[in-house]
Amino acid sequence: MPAPVTLAIDTGQPRCQSAVARAGGETFSIAEDRDRGHAEALIGQIEALLSRAGLEFGDLGRVAVTTGPGSFTGLRVALSAARAFGLALDIPVLGIPTMVALSLAGRPGDPLAVLIDARRGEVWCQRFAGPGAPAVGPERLPLAVALSQLGEAKMVVGSAAPLAAEAAATAGLDIETPDEPVVFVDIEAMARFAQSADPEDFPPEPLYLRPPDVRSQASKSVARK
């Protein structure tokens, strides 16, 4: 049975990107760096992508979307679009954790770690036995603690990799980062990964960088008589 034609979309970082993997494995992608305006750009980008690949929406067999850690607004844009496609086309929707997608940049069989900047001196950290193969679950930790838990994972990728390299050098730790830092998801690699992934293992549920900063307003309320 041929691999399903798979659309992959990612708006959880300061980039709006999409890719499609055809049944034979050929991939096409479009990426645009942007801090905001993902919602206005995404659908037009996908239409242009499908046209470039010689496909129509009805040709899609599944859709994959990054689920974070990422910004609230960015993640919701892609998740909403993916769920809409899944409902309209009656196809599976896979939620690929951003850290899993970033790990696909690693070397086959070599352990690595993905670090995403969570701000305020913290990072999201997850160790992998190899590309797409989590060794542990993701955790939000102080950077120094995350570095102490890398274990055999000497290669580090993700938006916090430059911070980790600088901190490791100061602490005398030996870690490796690619010559060209891997900050963004390789959306074509994610599309190929999602072609063979089991949808049951990848529910499209978001994981946000940080919980919302909401405080109770009870102290400011006026008591009822």
N, C-alpha and C. Protein backbone atom coordinates (compact mmCIF):
# COMPACT_ATOMS: atom_id res chain seq x y z
N MET A 1 0.86 -1.20 0.00
CA MET A 1 0.00 0.00 0.00
C MET A 1 0.89 1.25 0.00
N PRO A 2 0.68 2.16 -0.95
CA PRO A 2 1.55 3.35 -1.01
C PRO A 2 1.36 4.25 0.19
N ALA A 3 2.42 4.99 0.52
CA ALA A 3 2.34 5.93 1.64
C ALA A 3 1.32 7.02 1.31
N PRO A 4 0.56 7.48 2.29
CA PRO A 4 -0.43 8.52 2.02
C PRO A 4 0.23 9.86 1.69
N VAL A 5 -0.38 10.59 0.78
CA VAL A 5 0.07 11.96 0.51
C VAL A 5 -0.16 12.76 1.80
N THR A 6 0.90 13.38 2.30
CA THR A 6 0.85 13.98 3.63
C THR A 6 1.22 15.45 3.59
N LEU A 7 0.35 16.28 4.15
CA LEU A 7 0.61 17.70 4.31
C LEU A 7 1.11 17.94 5.73
N ALA A 8 2.22 18.66 5.87
CA ALA A 8 2.76 19.03 7.18
C ALA A 8 2.77 20.55 7.30
N ILE A 9 2.32 21.07 8.44
CA ILE A 9 2.29 22.51 8.64
C ILE A 9 2.85 22.85 10.02
N ASP A 10 3.51 24.01 10.09
CA ASP A 10 4.16 24.44 11.33
C ASP A 10 4.09 25.96 11.44
N THR A 11 3.42 26.43 12.49
CA THR A 11 3.38 27.87 12.76
C THR A 11 3.69 28.14 14.24
N GLY A 12 4.27 27.17 14.94
CA GLY A 12 4.52 27.32 16.36
C GLY A 12 5.79 28.08 16.70
N GLN A 13 6.57 28.43 15.67
CA GLN A 13 7.79 29.20 15.85
C GLN A 13 7.68 30.46 14.98
N PRO A 14 8.68 31.35 15.01
CA PRO A 14 8.60 32.55 14.18
C PRO A 14 8.83 32.23 12.70
N ARG A 15 8.07 31.29 12.21
CA ARG A 15 8.15 30.88 10.81
C ARG A 15 6.82 30.25 10.44
N CYS A 16 6.35 30.53 9.23
CA CYS A 16 5.15 29.90 8.69
C CYS A 16 5.62 28.98 7.58
N GLN A 17 5.44 27.67 7.76
CA GLN A 17 5.98 26.74 6.78
C GLN A 17 5.06 25.54 6.59
N SER A 18 5.12 24.99 5.40
CA SER A 18 4.32 23.82 5.08
C SER A 18 5.08 22.98 4.06
N ALA A 19 4.77 21.70 4.05
CA ALA A 19 5.40 20.78 3.11
C ALA A 19 4.40 19.70 2.76
N VAL A 20 4.59 19.10 1.62
CA VAL A 20 3.77 17.96 1.23
C VAL A 20 4.69 16.86 0.73
N ALA A 21 4.44 15.64 1.20
CA ALA A 21 5.19 14.46 0.76
C ALA A 21 4.27 13.61 -0.10
N ARG A 22 4.67 13.40 -1.34
CA ARG A 22 3.88 12.59 -2.25
C ARG A 22 4.03 11.11 -1.91
N ALA A 23 3.18 10.28 -2.51
CA ALA A 23 3.19 8.85 -2.22
C ALA A 23 4.54 8.22 -2.50
N GLY A 24 5.26 8.72 -3.52
CA GLY A 24 6.56 8.16 -3.87
C GLY A 24 7.71 8.70 -3.04
N GLY A 25 7.42 9.62 -2.11
CA GLY A 25 8.46 10.17 -1.24
C GLY A 25 8.97 11.54 -1.65
N GLU A 26 8.61 12.02 -2.84
CA GLU A 26 9.05 13.35 -3.28
C GLU A 26 8.38 14.40 -2.40
N THR A 27 9.16 15.40 -1.98
CA THR A 27 8.62 16.43 -1.08
C THR A 27 8.77 17.82 -1.69
N PHE A 28 7.86 18.70 -1.30
CA PHE A 28 7.87 20.10 -1.69
C PHE A 28 7.59 20.92 -0.44
N SER A 29 8.15 22.11 -0.36
CA SER A 29 7.93 22.92 0.84
C SER A 29 8.00 24.41 0.52
N ILE A 30 7.38 25.20 1.39
CA ILE A 30 7.46 26.66 1.36
C ILE A 30 7.63 27.11 2.81
N ALA A 31 8.56 28.03 3.05
CA ALA A 31 8.79 28.55 4.40
C ALA A 31 8.98 30.05 4.33
N GLU A 32 8.40 30.74 5.31
CA GLU A 32 8.52 32.19 5.39
C GLU A 32 8.73 32.59 6.84
N ASP A 33 9.83 33.24 7.13
CA ASP A 33 10.08 33.72 8.49
C ASP A 33 9.14 34.88 8.79
N ARG A 34 8.43 34.79 9.92
CA ARG A 34 7.54 35.87 10.33
C ARG A 34 7.22 35.72 11.81
N ASP A 35 7.15 36.85 12.51
CA ASP A 35 6.82 36.86 13.93
C ASP A 35 5.32 36.84 14.17
N ARG A 36 4.55 37.32 13.20
CA ARG A 36 3.10 37.37 13.36
C ARG A 36 2.47 37.26 11.97
N GLY A 37 1.15 37.17 11.94
CA GLY A 37 0.45 37.09 10.66
C GLY A 37 0.40 35.70 10.07
N HIS A 38 0.65 34.66 10.89
CA HIS A 38 0.61 33.30 10.37
C HIS A 38 -0.77 32.94 9.82
N ALA A 39 -1.81 33.38 10.52
CA ALA A 39 -3.17 33.02 10.11
C ALA A 39 -3.50 33.57 8.73
N GLU A 40 -3.04 34.79 8.45
CA GLU A 40 -3.33 35.40 7.14
C GLU A 40 -2.53 34.73 6.02
N ALA A 41 -1.38 34.17 6.35
CA ALA A 41 -0.48 33.64 5.32
C ALA A 41 -0.66 32.15 5.04
N LEU A 42 -1.11 31.38 6.04
CA LEU A 42 -1.01 29.92 5.96
C LEU A 42 -1.80 29.31 4.81
N ILE A 43 -3.08 29.64 4.68
CA ILE A 43 -3.91 28.97 3.68
C ILE A 43 -3.42 29.27 2.26
N GLY A 44 -3.07 30.52 2.00
CA GLY A 44 -2.53 30.86 0.69
C GLY A 44 -1.23 30.12 0.41
N GLN A 45 -0.41 29.98 1.45
CA GLN A 45 0.85 29.24 1.28
C GLN A 45 0.58 27.78 0.93
N ILE A 46 -0.39 27.16 1.60
CA ILE A 46 -0.71 25.76 1.33
C ILE A 46 -1.26 25.60 -0.08
N GLU A 47 -2.09 26.51 -0.52
CA GLU A 47 -2.62 26.45 -1.88
C GLU A 47 -1.50 26.54 -2.91
N ALA A 48 -0.54 27.44 -2.67
CA ALA A 48 0.61 27.56 -3.59
C ALA A 48 1.47 26.30 -3.55
N LEU A 49 1.62 25.72 -2.37
CA LEU A 49 2.41 24.49 -2.22
C LEU A 49 1.79 23.34 -3.00
N LEU A 50 0.49 23.14 -2.85
CA LEU A 50 -0.17 22.05 -3.56
C LEU A 50 -0.10 22.25 -5.07
N SER A 51 -0.25 23.50 -5.51
CA SER A 51 -0.14 23.79 -6.94
C SER A 51 1.25 23.44 -7.45
N ARG A 52 2.28 23.78 -6.68
CA ARG A 52 3.66 23.46 -7.08
C ARG A 52 3.86 21.95 -7.17
N ALA A 53 3.22 21.20 -6.27
CA ALA A 53 3.39 19.74 -6.26
C ALA A 53 2.45 19.04 -7.23
N GLY A 54 1.58 19.79 -7.90
CA GLY A 54 0.64 19.18 -8.83
C GLY A 54 -0.45 18.39 -8.12
N LEU A 55 -0.87 18.88 -6.96
CA LEU A 55 -1.86 18.19 -6.15
C LEU A 55 -3.04 19.10 -5.85
N GLU A 56 -4.13 18.48 -5.41
CA GLU A 56 -5.30 19.21 -4.93
C GLU A 56 -5.60 18.76 -3.50
N PHE A 57 -6.43 19.51 -2.80
CA PHE A 57 -6.76 19.16 -1.42
C PHE A 57 -7.32 17.73 -1.34
N GLY A 58 -8.10 17.34 -2.33
CA GLY A 58 -8.69 16.00 -2.32
C GLY A 58 -7.68 14.87 -2.43
N ASP A 59 -6.45 15.18 -2.82
CA ASP A 59 -5.41 14.16 -2.93
C ASP A 59 -4.77 13.82 -1.58
N LEU A 60 -5.01 14.67 -0.58
CA LEU A 60 -4.35 14.47 0.71
C LEU A 60 -4.90 13.25 1.43
N GLY A 61 -3.98 12.47 2.02
CA GLY A 61 -4.38 11.29 2.79
C GLY A 61 -4.27 11.49 4.28
N ARG A 62 -3.51 12.49 4.70
CA ARG A 62 -3.39 12.84 6.11
C ARG A 62 -2.73 14.20 6.23
N VAL A 63 -2.88 14.81 7.39
CA VAL A 63 -2.25 16.11 7.64
C VAL A 63 -1.56 16.03 9.00
N ALA A 64 -0.36 16.61 9.09
CA ALA A 64 0.41 16.62 10.33
C ALA A 64 0.70 18.06 10.72
N VAL A 65 0.69 18.32 12.03
CA VAL A 65 0.89 19.67 12.53
C VAL A 65 1.78 19.63 13.75
N THR A 66 2.67 20.60 13.89
CA THR A 66 3.48 20.66 15.10
C THR A 66 2.62 21.09 16.28
N THR A 67 2.90 20.50 17.44
CA THR A 67 2.06 20.77 18.61
C THR A 67 2.81 21.46 19.74
N GLY A 68 4.06 21.87 19.52
CA GLY A 68 4.80 22.59 20.55
C GLY A 68 5.75 21.71 21.32
N PRO A 69 6.42 22.34 22.30
CA PRO A 69 6.17 23.65 22.89
C PRO A 69 6.30 24.81 21.90
N GLY A 70 5.34 25.71 22.00
CA GLY A 70 5.32 26.87 21.13
C GLY A 70 4.39 27.92 21.68
N SER A 71 4.29 29.02 20.95
CA SER A 71 3.44 30.13 21.41
C SER A 71 1.97 29.76 21.26
N PHE A 72 1.14 30.33 22.13
CA PHE A 72 -0.28 30.03 22.11
C PHE A 72 -0.89 30.34 20.75
N THR A 73 -0.69 31.57 20.28
CA THR A 73 -1.31 31.99 19.03
C THR A 73 -0.77 31.20 17.85
N GLY A 74 0.55 31.02 17.79
CA GLY A 74 1.14 30.30 16.67
C GLY A 74 0.64 28.88 16.57
N LEU A 75 0.60 28.17 17.69
CA LEU A 75 0.14 26.79 17.66
C LEU A 75 -1.33 26.69 17.26
N ARG A 76 -2.15 27.60 17.76
CA ARG A 76 -3.58 27.52 17.47
C ARG A 76 -3.87 27.71 15.99
N VAL A 77 -3.07 28.52 15.31
CA VAL A 77 -3.29 28.76 13.87
C VAL A 77 -3.18 27.45 13.10
N ALA A 78 -2.07 26.74 13.28
CA ALA A 78 -1.86 25.51 12.52
C ALA A 78 -2.79 24.40 12.99
N LEU A 79 -3.03 24.30 14.30
CA LEU A 79 -3.92 23.26 14.80
C LEU A 79 -5.34 23.45 14.27
N SER A 80 -5.81 24.68 14.25
CA SER A 80 -7.16 24.94 13.74
C SER A 80 -7.27 24.57 12.27
N ALA A 81 -6.24 24.95 11.49
CA ALA A 81 -6.25 24.62 10.06
C ALA A 81 -6.20 23.12 9.85
N ALA A 82 -5.33 22.42 10.59
CA ALA A 82 -5.19 20.97 10.42
C ALA A 82 -6.49 20.24 10.77
N ARG A 83 -7.11 20.66 11.86
CA ARG A 83 -8.37 20.01 12.25
C ARG A 83 -9.47 20.28 11.23
N ALA A 84 -9.47 21.47 10.66
CA ALA A 84 -10.47 21.79 9.63
C ALA A 84 -10.26 20.92 8.39
N PHE A 85 -9.01 20.76 7.96
CA PHE A 85 -8.73 19.88 6.81
C PHE A 85 -9.14 18.44 7.12
N GLY A 86 -8.80 17.98 8.32
CA GLY A 86 -9.15 16.61 8.68
C GLY A 86 -10.64 16.37 8.65
N LEU A 87 -11.40 17.33 9.17
CA LEU A 87 -12.85 17.20 9.19
C LEU A 87 -13.45 17.28 7.79
N ALA A 88 -12.99 18.25 7.01
CA ALA A 88 -13.56 18.44 5.67
C ALA A 88 -13.21 17.30 4.73
N LEU A 89 -12.00 16.75 4.87
CA LEU A 89 -11.54 15.71 3.94
C LEU A 89 -11.68 14.30 4.51
N ASP A 90 -12.08 14.22 5.78
CA ASP A 90 -12.21 12.93 6.47
C ASP A 90 -10.90 12.14 6.42
N ILE A 91 -9.83 12.79 6.87
CA ILE A 91 -8.50 12.17 6.89
C ILE A 91 -7.90 12.33 8.29
N PRO A 92 -6.94 11.48 8.65
CA PRO A 92 -6.33 11.58 9.97
C PRO A 92 -5.54 12.87 10.14
N VAL A 93 -5.54 13.40 11.37
CA VAL A 93 -4.73 14.56 11.74
C VAL A 93 -3.74 14.10 12.81
N LEU A 94 -2.46 14.27 12.54
CA LEU A 94 -1.41 13.88 13.47
C LEU A 94 -0.79 15.11 14.10
N GLY A 95 -0.64 15.10 15.41
CA GLY A 95 0.06 16.17 16.11
C GLY A 95 1.48 15.72 16.41
N ILE A 96 2.44 16.29 15.73
CA ILE A 96 3.84 15.92 15.92
C ILE A 96 4.48 16.91 16.88
N PRO A 97 4.90 16.47 18.08
CA PRO A 97 5.54 17.40 18.99
C PRO A 97 6.72 18.10 18.32
N THR A 98 6.84 19.39 18.54
CA THR A 98 7.91 20.15 17.90
C THR A 98 9.28 19.58 18.24
N MET A 99 9.44 19.06 19.45
CA MET A 99 10.74 18.51 19.84
C MET A 99 11.04 17.22 19.07
N VAL A 100 10.03 16.43 18.80
CA VAL A 100 10.22 15.24 17.97
C VAL A 100 10.61 15.67 16.55
N ALA A 101 9.91 16.67 16.02
CA ALA A 101 10.21 17.14 14.67
C ALA A 101 11.63 17.69 14.59
N LEU A 102 12.07 18.43 15.61
CA LEU A 102 13.43 18.97 15.62
C LEU A 102 14.47 17.86 15.72
N SER A 103 14.14 16.78 16.42
CA SER A 103 15.10 15.69 16.59
C SER A 103 15.43 14.99 15.27
N LEU A 104 14.59 15.17 14.26
CA LEU A 104 14.83 14.53 12.97
C LEU A 104 16.09 15.06 12.31
N ALA A 105 16.66 16.14 12.84
CA ALA A 105 17.92 16.68 12.31
C ALA A 105 19.14 15.91 12.81
N GLY A 106 18.93 14.98 13.74
CA GLY A 106 20.05 14.24 14.31
C GLY A 106 20.58 13.16 13.37
N ARG A 107 21.68 12.56 13.79
CA ARG A 107 22.29 11.47 13.02
C ARG A 107 21.65 10.15 13.42
N PRO A 108 21.32 9.29 12.46
CA PRO A 108 20.69 8.00 12.78
C PRO A 108 21.49 7.21 13.81
N GLY A 109 20.81 6.78 14.88
CA GLY A 109 21.45 5.96 15.89
C GLY A 109 22.22 6.72 16.95
N ASP A 110 22.42 8.03 16.78
CA ASP A 110 23.18 8.81 17.75
C ASP A 110 22.23 9.54 18.70
N PRO A 111 22.47 9.47 20.02
CA PRO A 111 21.62 10.22 20.95
C PRO A 111 21.80 11.72 20.78
N LEU A 112 20.74 12.45 21.04
CA LEU A 112 20.78 13.91 20.96
C LEU A 112 19.76 14.48 21.92
N ALA A 113 19.82 15.78 22.12
CA ALA A 113 18.85 16.48 22.97
C ALA A 113 18.30 17.67 22.21
N VAL A 114 17.03 17.94 22.45
CA VAL A 114 16.37 19.12 21.88
C VAL A 114 16.10 20.08 23.02
N LEU A 115 16.54 21.32 22.86
CA LEU A 115 16.31 22.37 23.85
C LEU A 115 15.60 23.54 23.19
N ILE A 116 14.46 23.92 23.72
CA ILE A 116 13.69 25.05 23.21
C ILE A 116 13.65 26.12 24.28
N ASP A 117 13.95 27.34 23.90
CA ASP A 117 13.99 28.46 24.84
C ASP A 117 12.58 28.75 25.36
N ALA A 118 12.41 28.61 26.69
CA ALA A 118 11.11 28.90 27.34
C ALA A 118 11.13 30.25 28.03
N ARG A 119 12.23 31.02 27.86
CA ARG A 119 12.40 32.33 28.47
C ARG A 119 12.56 32.23 29.99
N ARG A 120 12.93 33.34 30.59
CA ARG A 120 13.11 33.44 32.04
C ARG A 120 14.13 32.43 32.58
N GLY A 121 15.16 32.14 31.77
CA GLY A 121 16.22 31.25 32.21
C GLY A 121 15.86 29.78 32.15
N GLU A 122 14.72 29.45 31.53
CA GLU A 122 14.28 28.06 31.44
C GLU A 122 14.26 27.58 30.00
N VAL A 123 14.33 26.26 29.84
CA VAL A 123 14.25 25.65 28.52
C VAL A 123 13.36 24.41 28.61
N TRP A 124 12.75 24.09 27.49
CA TRP A 124 12.13 22.78 27.35
C TRP A 124 13.22 21.83 26.88
N CYS A 125 13.35 20.71 27.56
CA CYS A 125 14.43 19.77 27.28
C CYS A 125 13.86 18.37 27.06
N GLN A 126 14.37 17.68 26.06
CA GLN A 126 14.01 16.29 25.85
C GLN A 126 15.16 15.55 25.19
N ARG A 127 15.50 14.38 25.73
CA ARG A 127 16.56 13.55 25.19
C ARG A 127 15.98 12.50 24.25
N PHE A 128 16.73 12.21 23.19
CA PHE A 128 16.30 11.24 22.19
C PHE A 128 17.40 10.20 21.98
N ALA A 129 16.99 8.94 21.79
CA ALA A 129 17.96 7.88 21.48
C ALA A 129 18.45 8.01 20.05
N GLY A 130 17.70 8.68 19.23
CA GLY A 130 18.03 8.93 17.83
C GLY A 130 16.92 9.77 17.24
N PRO A 131 17.01 10.13 15.97
CA PRO A 131 15.98 10.96 15.36
C PRO A 131 14.58 10.36 15.51
N GLY A 132 13.66 11.13 16.07
CA GLY A 132 12.28 10.68 16.21
C GLY A 132 12.05 9.61 17.25
N ALA A 133 13.05 9.33 18.11
CA ALA A 133 12.95 8.25 19.10
C ALA A 133 13.18 8.81 20.50
N PRO A 134 12.12 9.29 21.17
CA PRO A 134 12.30 9.88 22.51
C PRO A 134 12.83 8.87 23.52
N ALA A 135 13.78 9.32 24.33
CA ALA A 135 14.27 8.50 25.44
C ALA A 135 13.52 8.82 26.72
N VAL A 136 13.09 10.06 26.87
CA VAL A 136 12.31 10.52 28.03
C VAL A 136 11.29 11.53 27.53
N GLY A 137 10.37 11.93 28.40
CA GLY A 137 9.40 12.94 28.03
C GLY A 137 9.99 14.34 28.15
N PRO A 138 9.32 15.33 27.58
CA PRO A 138 9.81 16.72 27.66
C PRO A 138 9.59 17.30 29.04
N GLU A 139 10.53 18.16 29.47
CA GLU A 139 10.41 18.86 30.75
C GLU A 139 10.82 20.31 30.57
N ARG A 140 10.19 21.21 31.34
CA ARG A 140 10.63 22.60 31.38
C ARG A 140 11.52 22.76 32.60
N LEU A 141 12.80 23.13 32.38
CA LEU A 141 13.81 23.15 33.43
C LEU A 141 14.66 24.40 33.33
N PRO A 142 15.30 24.80 34.44
CA PRO A 142 16.35 25.81 34.33
C PRO A 142 17.45 25.29 33.41
N LEU A 143 18.07 26.18 32.66
CA LEU A 143 19.07 25.78 31.68
C LEU A 143 20.18 24.94 32.32
N ALA A 144 20.68 25.36 33.48
CA ALA A 144 21.78 24.63 34.12
C ALA A 144 21.37 23.21 34.47
N VAL A 145 20.12 23.04 34.92
CA VAL A 145 19.64 21.70 35.25
C VAL A 145 19.52 20.85 33.99
N ALA A 146 19.00 21.45 32.92
CA ALA A 146 18.88 20.72 31.66
C ALA A 146 20.24 20.25 31.17
N LEU A 147 21.26 21.08 31.28
CA LEU A 147 22.60 20.69 30.84
C LEU A 147 23.12 19.53 31.67
N SER A 148 22.79 19.50 32.94
CA SER A 148 23.29 18.42 33.80
C SER A 148 22.61 17.09 33.51
N GLN A 149 21.51 17.11 32.75
CA GLN A 149 20.76 15.89 32.48
C GLN A 149 20.88 15.40 31.04
N LEU A 150 21.84 15.92 30.31
CA LEU A 150 21.98 15.52 28.91
C LEU A 150 22.48 14.10 28.76
N GLY A 151 23.25 13.60 29.72
CA GLY A 151 23.75 12.23 29.64
C GLY A 151 24.60 12.01 28.41
N GLU A 152 24.26 10.98 27.63
CA GLU A 152 25.02 10.65 26.43
C GLU A 152 24.65 11.54 25.24
N ALA A 153 23.64 12.36 25.41
CA ALA A 153 23.17 13.20 24.31
C ALA A 153 24.07 14.42 24.17
N LYS A 154 25.15 14.27 23.43
CA LYS A 154 26.11 15.36 23.30
C LYS A 154 25.70 16.38 22.25
N MET A 155 24.95 15.93 21.21
CA MET A 155 24.49 16.89 20.21
C MET A 155 23.21 17.56 20.71
N VAL A 156 23.15 18.87 20.56
CA VAL A 156 22.00 19.65 21.01
C VAL A 156 21.47 20.48 19.85
N VAL A 157 20.15 20.41 19.64
CA VAL A 157 19.51 21.21 18.60
C VAL A 157 18.33 21.94 19.23
N GLY A 158 17.78 22.90 18.50
CA GLY A 158 16.64 23.66 18.99
C GLY A 158 17.00 25.11 19.24
N SER A 159 15.99 25.92 19.53
CA SER A 159 16.20 27.36 19.65
C SER A 159 17.10 27.73 20.82
N ALA A 160 17.21 26.86 21.84
CA ALA A 160 18.08 27.15 22.98
C ALA A 160 19.46 26.54 22.83
N ALA A 161 19.77 25.92 21.69
CA ALA A 161 21.08 25.30 21.50
C ALA A 161 22.22 26.31 21.61
N PRO A 162 22.11 27.50 21.01
CA PRO A 162 23.20 28.48 21.19
C PRO A 162 23.40 28.87 22.64
N LEU A 163 22.31 29.05 23.41
CA LEU A 163 22.43 29.35 24.83
C LEU A 163 23.11 28.21 25.57
N ALA A 164 22.75 26.98 25.21
CA ALA A 164 23.33 25.81 25.85
C ALA A 164 24.82 25.71 25.56
N ALA A 165 25.21 25.99 24.32
CA ALA A 165 26.62 25.90 23.95
C ALA A 165 27.44 26.91 24.73
N GLU A 166 26.90 28.12 24.89
CA GLU A 166 27.61 29.16 25.63
C GLU A 166 27.74 28.79 27.10
N ALA A 167 26.64 28.32 27.70
CA ALA A 167 26.66 27.93 29.10
C ALA A 167 27.55 26.72 29.33
N ALA A 168 27.54 25.78 28.40
CA ALA A 168 28.37 24.58 28.54
C ALA A 168 29.85 24.93 28.48
N ALA A 169 30.21 25.86 27.60
CA ALA A 169 31.61 26.26 27.50
C ALA A 169 32.08 26.91 28.79
N THR A 170 31.22 27.72 29.39
CA THR A 170 31.56 28.37 30.66
C THR A 170 31.73 27.35 31.78
N ALA A 171 30.89 26.29 31.73
CA ALA A 171 30.92 25.28 32.79
C ALA A 171 31.92 24.16 32.50
N GLY A 172 32.57 24.21 31.35
CA GLY A 172 33.53 23.18 31.00
C GLY A 172 32.89 21.87 30.55
N LEU A 173 31.64 21.93 30.07
CA LEU A 173 30.95 20.74 29.58
C LEU A 173 31.19 20.56 28.09
N ASP A 174 31.15 19.33 27.64
CA ASP A 174 31.41 19.02 26.24
C ASP A 174 30.11 18.69 25.54
N ILE A 175 29.57 19.64 24.78
CA ILE A 175 28.40 19.35 23.96
C ILE A 175 28.68 19.80 22.53
N GLU A 176 27.91 19.26 21.61
CA GLU A 176 28.10 19.54 20.18
C GLU A 176 26.83 20.17 19.62
N THR A 177 27.01 21.22 18.85
CA THR A 177 25.90 21.80 18.11
C THR A 177 26.28 21.79 16.63
N PRO A 178 25.31 21.62 15.73
CA PRO A 178 25.64 21.62 14.30
C PRO A 178 26.32 22.92 13.88
N ASP A 179 27.16 22.85 12.84
CA ASP A 179 27.83 24.05 12.35
C ASP A 179 26.83 25.15 12.02
N GLU A 180 25.71 24.74 11.45
CA GLU A 180 24.61 25.69 11.21
C GLU A 180 23.51 25.34 12.20
N PRO A 181 23.30 26.15 13.24
CA PRO A 181 22.35 25.78 14.30
C PRO A 181 20.98 25.39 13.76
N VAL A 182 20.43 24.31 14.31
CA VAL A 182 19.10 23.85 13.93
C VAL A 182 18.10 24.50 14.88
N VAL A 183 17.47 25.55 14.42
CA VAL A 183 16.52 26.30 15.24
C VAL A 183 15.09 25.98 14.84
N PHE A 184 14.85 25.80 13.55
CA PHE A 184 13.51 25.54 13.05
C PHE A 184 13.35 24.09 12.62
N VAL A 185 12.10 23.65 12.63
CA VAL A 185 11.76 22.31 12.17
C VAL A 185 12.05 22.17 10.68
N ASP A 186 12.66 21.04 10.29
CA ASP A 186 12.79 20.69 8.88
C ASP A 186 11.43 20.15 8.45
N ILE A 187 10.63 20.98 7.81
CA ILE A 187 9.24 20.63 7.55
C ILE A 187 9.11 19.49 6.54
N GLU A 188 10.06 19.35 5.62
CA GLU A 188 10.01 18.22 4.69
C GLU A 188 10.30 16.91 5.41
N ALA A 189 11.28 16.92 6.33
CA ALA A 189 11.57 15.72 7.12
C ALA A 189 10.37 15.34 7.97
N MET A 190 9.67 16.34 8.50
CA MET A 190 8.48 16.07 9.31
C MET A 190 7.38 15.43 8.46
N ALA A 191 7.20 15.91 7.23
CA ALA A 191 6.19 15.33 6.35
C ALA A 191 6.49 13.87 6.07
N ARG A 192 7.76 13.54 5.82
CA ARG A 192 8.13 12.14 5.57
C ARG A 192 7.92 11.29 6.82
N PHE A 193 8.28 11.83 7.98
CA PHE A 193 8.08 11.12 9.23
C PHE A 193 6.60 10.83 9.46
N ALA A 194 5.75 11.81 9.20
CA ALA A 194 4.32 11.67 9.45
C ALA A 194 3.66 10.70 8.48
N GLN A 195 4.26 10.48 7.31
CA GLN A 195 3.68 9.54 6.36
C GLN A 195 3.55 8.14 6.95
N SER A 196 4.52 7.73 7.77
CA SER A 196 4.53 6.36 8.30
C SER A 196 4.18 6.29 9.78
N ALA A 197 3.94 7.43 10.43
CA ALA A 197 3.61 7.44 11.85
C ALA A 197 2.19 6.96 12.08
N ASP A 198 1.95 6.37 13.24
CA ASP A 198 0.63 5.89 13.62
C ASP A 198 -0.16 7.07 14.20
N PRO A 199 -1.28 7.44 13.59
CA PRO A 199 -2.06 8.57 14.11
C PRO A 199 -2.46 8.39 15.58
N GLU A 200 -2.64 7.16 16.03
CA GLU A 200 -3.02 6.92 17.42
C GLU A 200 -1.94 7.37 18.39
N ASP A 201 -0.69 7.39 17.92
CA ASP A 201 0.43 7.79 18.79
C ASP A 201 0.66 9.29 18.81
N PHE A 202 -0.02 10.03 17.94
CA PHE A 202 0.26 11.46 17.81
C PHE A 202 -1.04 12.27 17.78
N PRO A 203 -1.71 12.40 18.93
CA PRO A 203 -2.92 13.22 18.97
C PRO A 203 -2.58 14.69 18.79
N PRO A 204 -3.44 15.44 18.13
CA PRO A 204 -3.15 16.87 17.87
C PRO A 204 -3.51 17.76 19.06
N GLU A 205 -2.76 17.62 20.15
CA GLU A 205 -3.00 18.41 21.36
C GLU A 205 -1.81 19.34 21.60
N PRO A 206 -2.05 20.63 21.87
CA PRO A 206 -0.95 21.59 21.99
C PRO A 206 -0.22 21.52 23.32
N LEU A 207 1.05 21.91 23.29
CA LEU A 207 1.86 22.10 24.50
C LEU A 207 2.47 23.49 24.38
N TYR A 208 2.09 24.38 25.31
CA TYR A 208 2.52 25.77 25.22
C TYR A 208 3.85 25.99 25.93
N LEU A 209 4.58 27.00 25.47
CA LEU A 209 5.88 27.31 26.07
C LEU A 209 5.76 27.53 27.57
N ARG A 210 4.76 28.30 27.96
CA ARG A 210 4.55 28.60 29.37
C ARG A 210 3.05 28.68 29.64
N PRO A 211 2.62 28.36 30.86
CA PRO A 211 1.20 28.55 31.17
C PRO A 211 0.86 30.04 31.13
N PRO A 212 -0.39 30.37 30.88
CA PRO A 212 -0.76 31.79 30.82
C PRO A 212 -0.55 32.48 32.15
N ASP A 213 -0.09 33.73 32.07
CA ASP A 213 0.13 34.54 33.27
C ASP A 213 -1.20 35.18 33.67
N VAL A 214 -2.04 34.40 34.33
CA VAL A 214 -3.36 34.88 34.75
C VAL A 214 -3.40 34.89 36.27
N ARG A 215 -3.81 36.00 36.83
CA ARG A 215 -3.92 36.11 38.27
C ARG A 215 -5.37 36.35 38.66
N SER A 216 -5.71 35.85 39.81
CA SER A 216 -7.07 36.03 40.30
C SER A 216 -7.36 37.51 40.51
N GLN A 217 -8.57 37.90 40.15
CA GLN A 217 -9.00 39.29 40.35
C GLN A 217 -9.89 39.43 41.58
N ALA A 218 -9.91 38.37 42.41
CA ALA A 218 -10.82 38.37 43.56
C ALA A 218 -10.53 39.55 44.50
N SER A 219 -9.25 39.89 44.61
CA SER A 219 -8.89 40.96 45.55
C SER A 219 -9.41 42.31 45.10
N LYS A 220 -9.76 42.41 43.79
CA LYS A 220 -10.23 43.69 43.26
C LYS A 220 -11.74 43.73 43.10
N SER A 221 -12.39 42.62 43.41
CA SER A 221 -13.83 42.58 43.21
C SER A 221 -14.56 43.30 44.34
N VAL A 222 -15.77 43.68 44.06
CA VAL A 222 -16.61 44.34 45.06
C VAL A 222 -17.56 43.33 45.65
N ALA A 223 -17.55 43.17 46.95
CA ALA A 223 -18.39 42.17 47.62
C ALA A 223 -19.86 42.51 47.40
N ARG A 224 -20.65 41.44 47.16
CA ARG A 224 -22.08 41.63 47.02
C ARG A 224 -22.72 41.89 48.38
N LYS A 225 -23.79 42.69 48.37
CA LYS A 225 -24.52 42.94 49.61
C LYS A 225 -25.59 41.87 49.77
